């Protein structure tokens, strides 16, 4: 039993170190990389524009549900005027960055892991390295740099749509005055809340895109499968681990910043 526990522990430590080296090498590859901005813009399009529908839809329904449930809870205490405070702080401090990151992982992250896994299996990555092109600089670095900008922007959009969803539930469906709702939103949100929100969003973007790129880039190392099954297994592992790391990082950041 001790041998098994030790073997698994060493495997986890080895993979964590390999992931850290992979991420560090990807950032170092940005130095001297040609046409980097063009690839960053393309990566931003993949993570931003293509993910807009899911961000808008999930953000709207999150705000609708928060407004509906929050109104019924506050109504028990005669505090319906605080609905804007409940919705805004819930979205800005926790739900906004977390749910936006999970949606981006499900669409952009999974697509990235699958794309790199296929490129590894078809030896496209090996061909780049044979021609003297840094595969990290060409395939990974633009995605990481774009995520540092796109994730906060998508989170801000998610929160904005969510606030309007809360207003729809409270004002149009339940009869709360719109002025009361928006005034409580304005009083509730402080600059510290916004900084914490964007810190979480940028951290989630860096961790999740790096993790998805790492698993796709190393799909050929999958021990349980080969070929297309290895790509599928790597993509699944990337999405699952990225979702877990979002929740874990959210707790760690919140515990330090609260």
Protein backbone atom coordinates (compact mmCIF):
# COMPACT_ATOMS: atom_id res chain seq x y z
CA UNK A 1 0.00 0.00 0.00
CA UNK A 2 2.83 2.41 0.87
CA UNK A 3 4.51 1.66 -2.45
CA UNK A 4 1.28 2.43 -4.32
CA UNK A 5 0.70 5.68 -2.42
CA UNK A 6 4.30 6.73 -2.99
CA UNK A 7 4.12 5.91 -6.68
CA UNK A 8 0.95 7.97 -7.16
CA UNK A 9 2.40 10.84 -5.13
CA UNK A 10 5.58 10.92 -7.22
CA UNK A 11 3.49 10.78 -10.39
CA UNK A 12 1.42 13.78 -9.28
CA UNK A 13 4.51 15.79 -8.29
CA UNK A 14 6.19 14.93 -11.59
CA UNK A 15 3.17 16.00 -13.62
CA UNK A 16 2.81 19.23 -11.64
CA UNK A 17 6.46 20.06 -12.24
CA UNK A 18 6.15 19.20 -15.92
CA UNK A 19 3.11 21.47 -16.19
CA UNK A 20 4.97 24.34 -14.46
CA UNK A 21 7.93 23.95 -16.82
CA UNK A 22 5.57 23.80 -19.82
CA UNK A 23 3.85 27.04 -18.78
CA UNK A 24 7.12 28.82 -18.03
CA UNK A 25 8.62 27.75 -21.37
CA UNK A 26 5.50 28.97 -23.17
CA UNK A 27 5.84 32.45 -21.66
CA UNK A 28 9.58 32.59 -22.38
CA UNK A 29 8.87 31.69 -25.99
CA UNK A 30 7.08 35.02 -26.41
CA UNK A 31 10.47 36.77 -26.45
CA UNK A 32 11.57 37.24 -30.04
CA UNK A 33 8.53 35.52 -31.51
CA UNK A 34 7.56 36.96 -34.89
CA UNK A 35 3.98 37.89 -35.78
CA UNK A 36 2.93 37.20 -32.22
CA UNK A 37 0.25 39.89 -32.20
CA UNK A 38 -1.50 38.36 -35.20
CA UNK A 39 -1.73 34.99 -33.44
CA UNK A 40 -2.89 36.67 -30.22
CA UNK A 41 -5.73 38.36 -32.10
CA UNK A 42 -6.72 35.04 -33.64
CA UNK A 43 -6.63 33.35 -30.22
CA UNK A 44 -8.70 36.20 -28.78
CA UNK A 45 -11.28 35.63 -31.51
CA UNK A 46 -11.45 31.93 -30.65
CA UNK A 47 -11.81 32.53 -26.92
CA UNK A 48 -13.87 35.70 -27.15
CA UNK A 49 -16.15 36.06 -30.16
CA UNK A 50 -16.91 32.36 -30.58
CA UNK A 51 -17.78 32.04 -26.88
CA UNK A 52 -20.05 35.10 -26.78
CA UNK A 53 -23.35 33.19 -27.24
CA UNK A 54 -22.77 30.84 -24.30
CA UNK A 55 -21.56 33.72 -22.09
CA UNK A 56 -24.63 35.82 -22.91
CA UNK A 57 -27.13 32.99 -22.45
CA UNK A 58 -25.67 31.62 -19.22
CA UNK A 59 -25.15 35.12 -17.80
CA UNK A 60 -28.75 36.09 -18.51
CA UNK A 61 -30.26 33.00 -16.94
CA UNK A 62 -27.91 33.22 -13.97
CA UNK A 63 -29.15 36.74 -13.29
CA UNK A 64 -32.77 35.69 -13.79
CA UNK A 65 -32.45 32.85 -11.29
CA UNK A 66 -30.57 34.98 -8.77
CA UNK A 67 -33.19 37.71 -9.02
CA UNK A 68 -36.06 35.27 -8.64
CA UNK A 69 -34.65 33.27 -5.74
CA UNK A 70 -33.14 36.32 -4.07
CA UNK A 71 -36.47 38.16 -4.14
CA UNK A 72 -38.33 35.31 -2.46
CA UNK A 73 -35.64 34.99 0.22
CA UNK A 74 -35.50 38.73 0.94
CA UNK A 75 -39.28 38.97 0.87
CA UNK A 76 -39.44 36.84 4.02
CA UNK A 77 -37.53 39.54 5.90
CA UNK A 78 -39.16 42.52 4.22
CA UNK A 79 -35.89 43.49 2.50
CA UNK A 80 -36.83 43.36 -1.17
CA UNK A 81 -34.96 46.63 -1.74
CA UNK A 82 -31.68 44.78 -1.18
CA UNK A 83 -32.19 42.55 -4.23
CA UNK A 84 -29.69 44.54 -6.26
CA UNK A 85 -27.10 44.15 -3.52
CA UNK A 86 -27.58 40.37 -3.41
CA UNK A 87 -27.42 39.91 -7.17
CA UNK A 88 -24.49 42.26 -7.76
CA UNK A 89 -22.24 40.96 -4.98
CA UNK A 90 -23.02 37.34 -5.86
CA UNK A 91 -22.08 37.94 -9.49
CA UNK A 92 -19.07 40.19 -8.98
CA UNK A 93 -17.41 38.34 -6.11
CA UNK A 94 -18.10 34.70 -6.98
CA UNK A 95 -20.52 33.55 -9.65
CA UNK A 96 -19.39 35.85 -12.45
CA UNK A 97 -15.71 34.86 -12.74
CA UNK A 98 -16.34 31.21 -11.81
CA UNK A 99 -19.22 30.50 -14.19
CA UNK A 100 -17.67 32.49 -17.03
CA UNK A 101 -14.43 30.52 -16.65
CA UNK A 102 -16.29 27.21 -16.59
CA UNK A 103 -18.17 28.12 -19.76
CA UNK A 104 -14.97 29.16 -21.50
CA UNK A 105 -13.29 25.92 -20.43
CA UNK A 106 -16.20 23.92 -21.82
CA UNK A 107 -15.96 25.58 -25.23
CA UNK A 108 -12.58 27.22 -25.85
CA UNK A 109 -10.54 25.00 -23.52
CA UNK A 110 -11.89 21.72 -24.83
CA UNK A 111 -11.43 22.88 -28.42
CA UNK A 112 -7.83 23.86 -27.69
CA UNK A 113 -7.00 20.51 -26.06
CA UNK A 114 -8.57 18.57 -28.92
CA UNK A 115 -6.87 20.70 -31.59
CA UNK A 116 -3.40 20.31 -30.08
CA UNK A 117 -4.00 16.60 -29.48
CA UNK A 118 -4.88 16.06 -33.14
CA UNK A 119 -1.89 18.10 -34.24
CA UNK A 120 0.33 15.95 -32.04
CA UNK A 121 -1.12 12.70 -33.39
CA UNK A 122 -0.78 13.81 -37.02
CA UNK A 123 2.83 14.92 -36.32
CA UNK A 124 2.16 18.55 -37.20
CA UNK A 125 3.88 19.65 -33.98
CA UNK A 126 6.88 17.48 -34.82
CA UNK A 127 6.96 19.04 -38.29
CA UNK A 128 7.07 22.55 -36.78
CA UNK A 129 9.98 21.61 -34.56
CA UNK A 130 11.78 19.97 -37.49
CA UNK A 131 11.53 23.24 -39.43
CA UNK A 132 13.03 25.10 -36.46
CA UNK A 133 9.75 26.77 -35.42
CA UNK A 134 9.05 26.85 -31.68
CA UNK A 135 5.84 24.90 -31.21
CA UNK A 136 5.26 26.60 -27.85
CA UNK A 137 5.60 30.09 -29.34
CA UNK A 138 3.41 29.24 -32.32
CA UNK A 139 0.64 27.21 -30.67
CA UNK A 140 0.56 27.89 -26.92
CA UNK A 141 1.95 31.34 -26.11
CA UNK A 142 -0.69 33.33 -28.08
CA UNK A 143 -3.49 31.42 -26.32
CA UNK A 144 -2.04 32.15 -22.87
CA UNK A 145 -1.53 35.86 -23.55
CA UNK A 146 -4.98 36.20 -25.09
CA UNK A 147 -6.59 34.48 -22.08
CA UNK A 148 -5.18 37.13 -19.73
CA UNK A 149 -7.25 39.73 -21.59
CA UNK A 150 -10.25 37.76 -22.87
CA UNK A 151 -11.26 36.10 -19.61
CA UNK A 152 -11.68 39.42 -17.70
CA UNK A 153 -13.58 40.89 -20.63
CA UNK A 154 -15.90 37.89 -20.86
CA UNK A 155 -16.40 37.99 -17.08
CA UNK A 156 -17.35 41.68 -17.24
CA UNK A 157 -19.85 40.91 -20.00
CA UNK A 158 -21.23 37.96 -18.03
CA UNK A 159 -21.76 40.16 -14.95
CA UNK A 160 -23.37 42.96 -16.96
CA UNK A 161 -25.86 40.60 -18.60
CA UNK A 162 -26.46 38.91 -15.24
CA UNK A 163 -27.30 42.24 -13.59
CA UNK A 164 -29.85 42.95 -16.30
CA UNK A 165 -31.26 39.47 -15.79
CA UNK A 166 -31.67 40.19 -12.09
CA UNK A 167 -33.41 43.44 -12.99
CA UNK A 168 -35.80 41.59 -15.30
CA UNK A 169 -36.76 39.17 -12.53
CA UNK A 170 -37.11 41.80 -9.84
CA UNK A 171 -38.61 44.69 -11.78
CA UNK A 172 -40.66 43.21 -14.61
CA UNK A 173 -41.76 39.90 -13.09
CA UNK A 174 -42.00 40.67 -9.38
CA UNK A 175 -42.85 44.36 -9.35
CA UNK A 176 -39.74 45.85 -7.74
CA UNK A 177 -38.97 49.42 -8.80
CA UNK A 178 -36.04 49.51 -11.26
CA UNK A 179 -34.62 52.59 -9.55
CA UNK A 180 -34.49 50.78 -6.22
CA UNK A 181 -32.72 47.81 -7.81
CA UNK A 182 -30.04 49.82 -9.64
CA UNK A 183 -29.40 52.16 -6.71
CA UNK A 184 -28.71 49.18 -4.45
CA UNK A 185 -26.38 47.76 -7.15
CA UNK A 186 -24.49 51.04 -7.25
CA UNK A 187 -24.14 51.20 -3.47
CA UNK A 188 -23.05 47.56 -3.15
CA UNK A 189 -20.19 47.29 -5.67
CA UNK A 190 -16.87 48.72 -4.51
CA UNK A 191 -13.52 49.01 -6.25
CA UNK A 192 -12.09 46.17 -4.15
CA UNK A 193 -14.83 43.84 -5.42
CA UNK A 194 -14.00 44.73 -9.02
CA UNK A 195 -10.27 44.17 -8.48
CA UNK A 196 -10.93 40.79 -6.89
CA UNK A 197 -13.23 39.85 -9.76
CA UNK A 198 -10.67 40.67 -12.46
CA UNK A 199 -7.86 39.04 -10.48
CA UNK A 200 -9.85 35.83 -10.37
CA UNK A 201 -10.76 36.04 -14.05
CA UNK A 202 -7.15 36.54 -15.20
CA UNK A 203 -5.91 33.75 -12.90
CA UNK A 204 -8.60 31.36 -14.11
CA UNK A 205 -7.74 32.19 -17.72
CA UNK A 206 -4.05 31.53 -17.24
CA UNK A 207 -4.53 28.26 -15.34
CA UNK A 208 -7.27 26.76 -17.50
CA UNK A 209 -5.80 27.60 -20.91
CA UNK A 210 -2.35 26.44 -19.79
CA UNK A 211 -3.80 23.19 -18.46
CA UNK A 212 -5.84 22.50 -21.60
CA UNK A 213 -2.84 23.29 -23.81
CA UNK A 214 -0.63 21.05 -21.68
CA UNK A 215 -2.92 18.03 -21.96
CA UNK A 216 -3.47 18.51 -25.68
CA UNK A 217 0.23 19.08 -26.32
CA UNK A 218 1.11 15.86 -24.48
CA UNK A 219 -1.73 13.68 -25.76
CA UNK A 220 0.82 11.19 -27.09
CA UNK A 221 1.88 10.42 -23.51
CA UNK A 222 -1.53 9.02 -22.61
CA UNK A 223 -0.98 5.51 -21.25
CA UNK A 224 -4.55 4.27 -21.36
CA UNK A 225 -5.22 4.89 -25.07
CA UNK A 226 -3.65 5.76 -28.41
CA UNK A 227 -4.70 7.69 -31.50
CA UNK A 228 -8.16 9.24 -31.43
CA UNK A 229 -8.90 7.72 -28.02
CA UNK A 230 -5.83 9.45 -26.60
CA UNK A 231 -7.11 12.80 -27.89
CA UNK A 232 -10.52 12.13 -26.35
CA UNK A 233 -9.01 11.09 -23.02
CA UNK A 234 -6.68 14.11 -22.93
CA UNK A 235 -9.50 16.51 -23.74
CA UNK A 236 -11.73 15.02 -21.05
CA UNK A 237 -8.93 15.15 -18.49
CA UNK A 238 -8.16 18.76 -19.43
CA UNK A 239 -11.78 19.91 -18.97
CA UNK A 240 -12.24 18.05 -15.69
CA UNK A 241 -8.97 19.25 -14.16
CA UNK A 242 -9.57 22.81 -15.39
CA UNK A 243 -13.01 22.87 -13.77
CA UNK A 244 -11.56 21.62 -10.50
CA UNK A 245 -8.69 24.09 -10.54
CA UNK A 246 -11.12 26.97 -11.12
CA UNK A 247 -13.03 26.10 -7.95
CA UNK A 248 -9.84 25.50 -5.96
CA UNK A 249 -8.24 28.74 -7.12
CA UNK A 250 -11.46 30.62 -6.37
CA UNK A 251 -11.34 29.46 -2.76
CA UNK A 252 -7.64 30.28 -2.38
CA UNK A 253 -7.95 33.77 -3.88
CA UNK A 254 -11.07 34.53 -1.85
CA UNK A 255 -9.43 33.39 1.39
CA UNK A 256 -6.48 35.75 0.80
CA UNK A 257 -8.44 38.77 -0.43
CA UNK A 258 -11.45 38.74 1.91
